[in-house]
């Protein structure tokens, strides 16, 4: 695979890394700008609405069934 690899020199303090531009290294050893190698994707302003309320309705149904079974198993008082 001839893909560029992100490179960081070893044993460098974090303060220096924050100020140093990050470079990518081609398989040939040539350093190139990171923007040439890494694809940047624009972050959407709002997330797409891909969910549905169906799982919530299923949990609500299980809760109702569980409550019904629990009430059915409770002992009843005799009216004596």
PDB file of N, CA and C in Angstrom:
ATOM      1  N   UNK A   1       0.844  -1.166   0.000  1.00  0.00           N
ATOM      2  CA  UNK A   1       0.000   0.000   0.000  1.00  0.00           C
ATOM      3  C   UNK A   1       0.891   1.231   0.000  1.00  0.00           C
ATOM      4  N   UNK A   2       0.749   2.046  -0.986  1.00  0.00           N
ATOM      5  CA  UNK A   2       1.523   3.278  -1.082  1.00  0.00           C
ATOM      6  C   UNK A   2       0.677   4.457  -0.663  1.00  0.00           C
ATOM      7  N   UNK A   3       0.358   4.519   0.648  1.00  0.00           N
ATOM      8  CA  UNK A   3      -0.414   5.622   1.182  1.00  0.00           C
ATOM      9  C   UNK A   3       0.467   6.432   2.113  1.00  0.00           C
ATOM     10  N   UNK A   4       0.288   7.732   2.163  1.00  0.00           N
ATOM     11  CA  UNK A   4       1.057   8.551   3.086  1.00  0.00           C
ATOM     12  C   UNK A   4       0.722   8.203   4.538  1.00  0.00           C
ATOM     13  N   UNK A   5       1.705   8.368   5.402  1.00  0.00           N
ATOM     14  CA  UNK A   5       1.547   8.058   6.814  1.00  0.00           C
ATOM     15  C   UNK A   5       1.760   9.338   7.615  1.00  0.00           C
ATOM     16  N   UNK A   6       0.898   9.579   8.605  1.00  0.00           N
ATOM     17  CA  UNK A   6       1.077  10.733   9.474  1.00  0.00           C
ATOM     18  C   UNK A   6       2.288  10.483  10.356  1.00  0.00           C
ATOM     19  N   UNK A   7       3.162  11.464  10.484  1.00  0.00           N
ATOM     20  CA  UNK A   7       4.398  11.272  11.238  1.00  0.00           C
ATOM     21  C   UNK A   7       4.532  12.326  12.325  1.00  0.00           C
ATOM     22  N   UNK A   8       4.999  11.880  13.515  1.00  0.00           N
ATOM     23  CA  UNK A   8       5.305  12.776  14.627  1.00  0.00           C
ATOM     24  C   UNK A   8       6.646  12.326  15.178  1.00  0.00           C
ATOM     25  N   UNK A   9       7.550  13.253  15.384  1.00  0.00           N
ATOM     26  CA  UNK A   9       8.862  12.893  15.919  1.00  0.00           C
ATOM     27  C   UNK A   9       8.720  12.484  17.382  1.00  0.00           C
ATOM     28  N   UNK A  10       9.578  11.533  17.817  1.00  0.00           N
ATOM     29  CA  UNK A  10       9.505  10.999  19.179  1.00  0.00           C
ATOM     30  C   UNK A  10      10.083  11.961  20.202  1.00  0.00           C
ATOM     31  N   UNK A  11       9.628  11.819  21.454  1.00  0.00           N
ATOM     32  CA  UNK A  11      10.138  12.530  22.622  1.00  0.00           C
ATOM     33  C   UNK A  11      10.153  14.050  22.451  1.00  0.00           C
ATOM     34  N   UNK A  12       9.031  14.585  22.047  1.00  0.00           N
ATOM     35  CA  UNK A  12       8.889  16.029  21.898  1.00  0.00           C
ATOM     36  C   UNK A  12       7.860  16.491  22.940  1.00  0.00           C
ATOM     37  N   UNK A  13       8.154  17.539  23.701  1.00  0.00           N
ATOM     38  CA  UNK A  13       7.190  18.017  24.701  1.00  0.00           C
ATOM     39  C   UNK A  13       5.873  18.438  24.042  1.00  0.00           C
ATOM     40  N   UNK A  14       4.789  18.313  24.800  1.00  0.00           N
ATOM     41  CA  UNK A  14       3.460  18.625  24.278  1.00  0.00           C
ATOM     42  C   UNK A  14       3.339  20.088  23.860  1.00  0.00           C
ATOM     43  N   UNK A  15       4.006  20.983  24.576  1.00  0.00           N
ATOM     44  CA  UNK A  15       3.914  22.408  24.225  1.00  0.00           C
ATOM     45  C   UNK A  15       4.508  22.673  22.847  1.00  0.00           C
ATOM     46  N   UNK A  16       5.547  21.938  22.490  1.00  0.00           N
ATOM     47  CA  UNK A  16       6.153  22.104  21.165  1.00  0.00           C
ATOM     48  C   UNK A  16       5.244  21.508  20.099  1.00  0.00           C
ATOM     49  N   UNK A  17       4.611  20.379  20.406  1.00  0.00           N
ATOM     50  CA  UNK A  17       3.713  19.750  19.432  1.00  0.00           C
ATOM     51  C   UNK A  17       2.514  20.628  19.113  1.00  0.00           C
ATOM     52  N   UNK A  18       2.032  21.376  20.093  1.00  0.00           N
ATOM     53  CA  UNK A  18       0.881  22.244  19.855  1.00  0.00           C
ATOM     54  C   UNK A  18       1.212  23.358  18.874  1.00  0.00           C
ATOM     55  N   UNK A  19       2.467  23.763  18.802  1.00  0.00           N
ATOM     56  CA  UNK A  19       2.872  24.865  17.931  1.00  0.00           C
ATOM     57  C   UNK A  19       3.452  24.387  16.605  1.00  0.00           C
ATOM     58  N   UNK A  20       3.798  23.111  16.499  1.00  0.00           N
ATOM     59  CA  UNK A  20       4.426  22.573  15.294  1.00  0.00           C
ATOM     60  C   UNK A  20       3.366  22.118  14.305  1.00  0.00           C
ATOM     61  N   UNK A  21       3.498  22.502  13.024  1.00  0.00           N
ATOM     62  CA  UNK A  21       2.534  22.016  12.037  1.00  0.00           C
ATOM     63  C   UNK A  21       2.724  20.516  11.801  1.00  0.00           C
ATOM     64  N   UNK A  22       1.623  19.798  11.619  1.00  0.00           N
ATOM     65  CA  UNK A  22       1.679  18.362  11.389  1.00  0.00           C
ATOM     66  C   UNK A  22       1.901  18.122   9.906  1.00  0.00           C
ATOM     67  N   UNK A  23       2.830  17.219   9.579  1.00  0.00           N
ATOM     68  CA  UNK A  23       3.137  16.883   8.192  1.00  0.00           C
ATOM     69  C   UNK A  23       2.846  15.408   7.960  1.00  0.00           C
ATOM     70  N   UNK A  24       2.575  15.052   6.724  1.00  0.00           N
ATOM     71  CA  UNK A  24       2.415  13.658   6.328  1.00  0.00           C
ATOM     72  C   UNK A  24       3.652  13.268   5.530  1.00  0.00           C
ATOM     73  N   UNK A  25       4.013  11.991   5.606  1.00  0.00           N
ATOM     74  CA  UNK A  25       5.195  11.511   4.907  1.00  0.00           C
ATOM     75  C   UNK A  25       4.760  10.535   3.827  1.00  0.00           C
ATOM     76  N   UNK A  26       5.145  10.823   2.589  1.00  0.00           N
ATOM     77  CA  UNK A  26       4.856   9.944   1.470  1.00  0.00           C
ATOM     78  C   UNK A  26       5.741   8.699   1.586  1.00  0.00           C
ATOM     79  N   UNK A  27       5.378   7.588   0.925  1.00  0.00           N
ATOM     80  CA  UNK A  27       6.225   6.396   0.955  1.00  0.00           C
ATOM     81  C   UNK A  27       7.639   6.655   0.436  1.00  0.00           C
ATOM     82  N   UNK A  28       7.779   7.671  -0.407  1.00  0.00           N
ATOM     83  CA  UNK A  28       9.112   8.014  -0.922  1.00  0.00           C
ATOM     84  C   UNK A  28       9.941   8.772   0.110  1.00  0.00           C
ATOM     85  N   UNK A  29       9.340   9.170   1.236  1.00  0.00           N
ATOM     86  CA  UNK A  29      10.046   9.898   2.280  1.00  0.00           C
ATOM     87  C   UNK A  29       9.819  11.394   2.224  1.00  0.00           C
ATOM     88  N   UNK A  30       9.104  11.866   1.228  1.00  0.00           N
ATOM     89  CA  UNK A  30       8.844  13.292   1.064  1.00  0.00           C
ATOM     90  C   UNK A  30       7.744  13.738   2.033  1.00  0.00           C
ATOM     91  N   UNK A  31       7.954  14.866   2.706  1.00  0.00           N
ATOM     92  CA  UNK A  31       6.943  15.417   3.610  1.00  0.00           C
ATOM     93  C   UNK A  31       5.995  16.313   2.824  1.00  0.00           C
ATOM     94  N   UNK A  32       4.698  16.130   3.072  1.00  0.00           N
ATOM     95  CA  UNK A  32       3.681  16.939   2.397  1.00  0.00           C
ATOM     96  C   UNK A  32       2.746  17.501   3.451  1.00  0.00           C
ATOM     97  N   UNK A  33       1.976  18.515   3.084  1.00  0.00           N
ATOM     98  CA  UNK A  33       1.010  19.104   4.006  1.00  0.00           C
ATOM     99  C   UNK A  33      -0.076  18.088   4.337  1.00  0.00           C
ATOM    100  N   UNK A  34      -0.559  18.148   5.549  1.00  0.00           N
ATOM    101  CA  UNK A  34      -1.583  17.204   6.003  1.00  0.00           C
ATOM    102  C   UNK A  34      -2.881  17.373   5.218  1.00  0.00           C
ATOM    103  N   UNK A  35      -3.163  18.584   4.754  1.00  0.00           N
ATOM    104  CA  UNK A  35      -4.392  18.849   4.012  1.00  0.00           C
ATOM    105  C   UNK A  35      -4.408  18.131   2.667  1.00  0.00           C
ATOM    106  N   UNK A  36      -3.244  17.794   2.138  1.00  0.00           N
ATOM    107  CA  UNK A  36      -3.178  17.073   0.866  1.00  0.00           C
ATOM    108  C   UNK A  36      -3.499  15.594   1.040  1.00  0.00           C
ATOM    109  N   UNK A  37      -3.385  15.079   2.254  1.00  0.00           N
ATOM    110  CA  UNK A  37      -3.524  13.647   2.499  1.00  0.00           C
ATOM    111  C   UNK A  37      -4.864  13.300   3.140  1.00  0.00           C
ATOM    112  N   UNK A  38      -5.277  14.079   4.124  1.00  0.00           N
ATOM    113  CA  UNK A  38      -6.476  13.775   4.893  1.00  0.00           C
ATOM    114  C   UNK A  38      -7.664  14.503   4.281  1.00  0.00           C
ATOM    115  N   UNK A  39      -8.731  13.735   4.030  1.00  0.00           N
ATOM    116  CA  UNK A  39      -9.959  14.341   3.507  1.00  0.00           C
ATOM    117  C   UNK A  39     -10.697  15.018   4.646  1.00  0.00           C
ATOM    118  N   UNK A  40     -11.091  16.244   4.448  1.00  0.00           N
ATOM    119  CA  UNK A  40     -11.880  16.950   5.450  1.00  0.00           C
ATOM    120  C   UNK A  40     -13.334  16.965   4.991  1.00  0.00           C
ATOM    121  N   UNK A  41     -14.213  16.698   5.914  1.00  0.00           N
ATOM    122  CA  UNK A  41     -15.636  16.667   5.616  1.00  0.00           C
ATOM    123  C   UNK A  41     -16.298  17.763   6.440  1.00  0.00           C
ATOM    124  N   UNK A  42     -17.141  18.539   5.808  1.00  0.00           N
ATOM    125  CA  UNK A  42     -17.853  19.591   6.517  1.00  0.00           C
ATOM    126  C   UNK A  42     -18.841  18.958   7.498  1.00  0.00           C
ATOM    127  N   UNK A  43     -18.873  19.464   8.703  1.00  0.00           N
ATOM    128  CA  UNK A  43     -19.783  18.952   9.716  1.00  0.00           C
ATOM    129  C   UNK A  43     -21.148  19.603   9.500  1.00  0.00           C
ATOM    130  N   UNK A  44     -22.187  18.790   9.383  1.00  0.00           N
ATOM    131  CA  UNK A  44     -23.515  19.386   9.169  1.00  0.00           C
ATOM    132  C   UNK A  44     -23.960  20.154  10.409  1.00  0.00           C
ATOM    133  N   UNK A  45     -24.788  21.153  10.200  1.00  0.00           N
ATOM    134  CA  UNK A  45     -25.270  21.981  11.300  1.00  0.00           C
ATOM    135  C   UNK A  45     -26.215  21.205  12.211  1.00  0.00           C
ATOM    136  N   UNK A  46     -27.010  20.312  11.643  1.00  0.00           N
ATOM    137  CA  UNK A  46     -27.952  19.526  12.439  1.00  0.00           C
ATOM    138  C   UNK A  46     -27.846  18.066  12.002  1.00  0.00           C
ATOM    139  N   UNK A  47     -28.069  17.164  12.925  1.00  0.00           N
ATOM    140  CA  UNK A  47     -28.025  15.752  12.597  1.00  0.00           C
ATOM    141  C   UNK A  47     -29.272  15.355  11.820  1.00  0.00           C
ATOM    142  N   UNK A  48     -29.140  14.396  10.912  1.00  0.00           N
ATOM    143  CA  UNK A  48     -30.325  13.948  10.186  1.00  0.00           C
ATOM    144  C   UNK A  48     -31.248  13.172  11.121  1.00  0.00           C
ATOM    145  N   UNK A  49     -32.530  13.231  10.858  1.00  0.00           N
ATOM    146  CA  UNK A  49     -33.490  12.525  11.712  1.00  0.00           C
ATOM    147  C   UNK A  49     -33.663  11.105  11.165  1.00  0.00           C
ATOM    148  N   UNK A  50     -32.852  10.183  11.678  1.00  0.00           N
ATOM    149  CA  UNK A  50     -32.885   8.806  11.202  1.00  0.00           C
ATOM    150  C   UNK A  50     -33.567   7.875  12.182  1.00  0.00           C
ATOM    151  N   UNK A  51     -33.837   8.342  13.387  1.00  0.00           N
ATOM    152  CA  UNK A  51     -34.461   7.488  14.393  1.00  0.00           C
ATOM    153  C   UNK A  51     -35.968   7.534  14.295  1.00  0.00           C
ATOM    154  N   UNK A  52     -36.589   6.587  14.977  1.00  0.00           N
ATOM    155  CA  UNK A  52     -38.053   6.582  15.025  1.00  0.00           C
ATOM    156  C   UNK A  52     -38.484   6.287  16.458  1.00  0.00           C
ATOM    157  N   UNK A  53     -39.726   6.603  16.798  1.00  0.00           N
ATOM    158  CA  UNK A  53     -40.202   6.341  18.159  1.00  0.00           C
ATOM    159  C   UNK A  53     -40.622   4.884  18.371  1.00  0.00           C
ATOM    160  N   UNK A  54     -40.449   4.015  17.389  1.00  0.00           N
ATOM    161  CA  UNK A  54     -40.891   2.629  17.501  1.00  0.00           C
ATOM    162  C   UNK A  54     -40.240   1.878  18.668  1.00  0.00           C
ATOM    163  N   UNK A  55     -38.918   1.957  18.898  1.00  0.00           N
ATOM    164  CA  UNK A  55     -38.352   1.266  20.063  1.00  0.00           C
ATOM    165  C   UNK A  55     -38.923   1.776  21.385  1.00  0.00           C
ATOM    166  N   UNK A  56     -39.193   3.056  21.485  1.00  0.00           N
ATOM    167  CA  UNK A  56     -39.784   3.608  22.703  1.00  0.00           C
ATOM    168  C   UNK A  56     -41.187   3.053  22.920  1.00  0.00           C
ATOM    169  N   UNK A  57     -41.952   2.934  21.851  1.00  0.00           N
ATOM    170  CA  UNK A  57     -43.286   2.353  21.962  1.00  0.00           C
ATOM    171  C   UNK A  57     -43.215   0.881  22.364  1.00  0.00           C
ATOM    172  N   UNK A  58     -42.207   0.158  21.871  1.00  0.00           N
ATOM    173  CA  UNK A  58     -42.019  -1.235  22.259  1.00  0.00           C
ATOM    174  C   UNK A  58     -41.698  -1.364  23.732  1.00  0.00           C
ATOM    175  N   UNK A  59     -40.826  -0.505  24.245  1.00  0.00           N
ATOM    176  CA  UNK A  59     -40.512  -0.524  25.679  1.00  0.00           C
ATOM    177  C   UNK A  59     -41.724  -0.168  26.521  1.00  0.00           C
ATOM    178  N   UNK A  60     -42.506   0.780  26.057  1.00  0.00           N
ATOM    179  CA  UNK A  60     -43.728   1.147  26.774  1.00  0.00           C
ATOM    180  C   UNK A  60     -44.702  -0.030  26.810  1.00  0.00           C
ATOM    181  N   UNK A  61     -44.817  -0.755  25.695  1.00  0.00           N
ATOM    182  CA  UNK A  61     -45.682  -1.934  25.651  1.00  0.00           C
ATOM    183  C   UNK A  61     -45.205  -3.014  26.609  1.00  0.00           C
ATOM    184  N   UNK A  62     -43.886  -3.249  26.671  1.00  0.00           N
ATOM    185  CA  UNK A  62     -43.347  -4.231  27.614  1.00  0.00           C
ATOM    186  C   UNK A  62     -43.622  -3.816  29.054  1.00  0.00           C
ATOM    187  N   UNK A  63     -43.529  -2.533  29.328  1.00  0.00           N
ATOM    188  CA  UNK A  63     -43.810  -2.036  30.671  1.00  0.00           C
ATOM    189  C   UNK A  63     -45.274  -2.288  31.047  1.00  0.00           C
ATOM    190  N   UNK A  64     -46.178  -2.049  30.131  1.00  0.00           N
ATOM    191  CA  UNK A  64     -47.600  -2.258  30.389  1.00  0.00           C
ATOM    192  C   UNK A  64     -47.884  -3.746  30.598  1.00  0.00           C
ATOM    193  N   UNK A  65     -47.309  -4.604  29.760  1.00  0.00           N
ATOM    194  CA  UNK A  65     -47.517  -6.049  29.911  1.00  0.00           C
ATOM    195  C   UNK A  65     -46.930  -6.530  31.231  1.00  0.00           C
ATOM    196  N   UNK A  66     -45.735  -6.060  31.575  1.00  0.00           N
ATOM    197  CA  UNK A  66     -45.117  -6.441  32.846  1.00  0.00           C
ATOM    198  C   UNK A  66     -45.936  -6.000  34.038  1.00  0.00           C
ATOM    199  N   UNK A  67     -46.493  -4.802  33.965  1.00  0.00           N
ATOM    200  CA  UNK A  67     -47.356  -4.316  35.049  1.00  0.00           C
ATOM    201  C   UNK A  67     -48.607  -5.179  35.161  1.00  0.00           C
ATOM    202  N   UNK A  68     -49.195  -5.553  34.045  1.00  0.00           N
ATOM    203  CA  UNK A  68     -50.388  -6.398  34.054  1.00  0.00           C
ATOM    204  C   UNK A  68     -50.104  -7.764  34.656  1.00  0.00           C
ATOM    205  N   UNK A  69     -48.985  -8.362  34.274  1.00  0.00           N
ATOM    206  CA  UNK A  69     -48.620  -9.665  34.829  1.00  0.00           C
ATOM    207  C   UNK A  69     -48.340  -9.536  36.321  1.00  0.00           C
ATOM    208  N   UNK A  70     -47.656  -8.478  36.722  1.00  0.00           N
ATOM    209  CA  UNK A  70     -47.361  -8.265  38.138  1.00  0.00           C
ATOM    210  C   UNK A  70     -48.619  -8.092  38.959  1.00  0.00           C
ATOM    211  N   UNK A  71     -49.582  -7.348  38.449  1.00  0.00           N
ATOM    212  CA  UNK A  71     -50.852  -7.167  39.170  1.00  0.00           C
ATOM    213  C   UNK A  71     -51.649  -8.458  39.219  1.00  0.00           C
ATOM    214  N   UNK A  72     -51.570  -9.255  38.177  1.00  0.00           N
ATOM    215  CA  UNK A  72     -52.312 -10.514  38.127  1.00  0.00           C
ATOM    216  C   UNK A  72     -51.762 -11.504  39.154  1.00  0.00           C
ATOM    217  N   UNK A  73     -50.461 -11.461  39.408  1.00  0.00           N
ATOM    218  CA  UNK A  73     -49.841 -12.399  40.334  1.00  0.00           C
ATOM    219  C   UNK A  73     -49.960 -11.963  41.793  1.00  0.00           C
ATOM    220  N   UNK A  74     -50.353 -10.731  42.024  1.00  0.00           N
ATOM    221  CA  UNK A  74     -50.508 -10.260  43.405  1.00  0.00           C
ATOM    222  C   UNK A  74     -51.693 -10.960  44.051  1.00  0.00           C
ATOM    223  N   UNK A  75     -51.532 -11.333  45.323  1.00  0.00           N
ATOM    224  CA  UNK A  75     -52.670 -11.980  46.006  1.00  0.00           C
ATOM    225  C   UNK A  75     -53.807 -10.964  46.207  1.00  0.00           C
ATOM    226  N   UNK A  76     -55.024 -11.468  46.086  1.00  0.00           N
ATOM    227  CA  UNK A  76     -56.179 -10.595  46.273  1.00  0.00           C
ATOM    228  C   UNK A  76     -56.722 -10.766  47.693  1.00  0.00           C
ATOM    229  N   UNK A  77     -57.382  -9.722  48.192  1.00  0.00           N
ATOM    230  CA  UNK A  77     -58.006  -9.800  49.513  1.00  0.00           C
ATOM    231  C   UNK A  77     -59.385 -10.424  49.386  1.00  0.00           C
ATOM    232  N   UNK A  78     -59.702 -11.266  50.336  1.00  0.00           N
ATOM    233  CA  UNK A  78     -61.052 -11.867  50.340  1.00  0.00           C
ATOM    234  C   UNK A  78     -62.005 -10.903  51.022  1.00  0.00           C
ATOM    235  N   UNK A  79     -63.193 -10.768  50.471  1.00  0.00           N
ATOM    236  CA  UNK A  79     -64.213  -9.887  51.067  1.00  0.00           C
ATOM    237  C   UNK A  79     -65.063 -10.718  52.018  1.00  0.00           C
ATOM    238  N   UNK A  80     -64.556 -10.966  53.184  1.00  0.00           N
ATOM    239  CA  UNK A  80     -65.293 -11.808  54.132  1.00  0.00           C
ATOM    240  C   UNK A  80     -65.948 -11.023  55.210  1.00  0.00           C
TER     241      UNK A  80
END
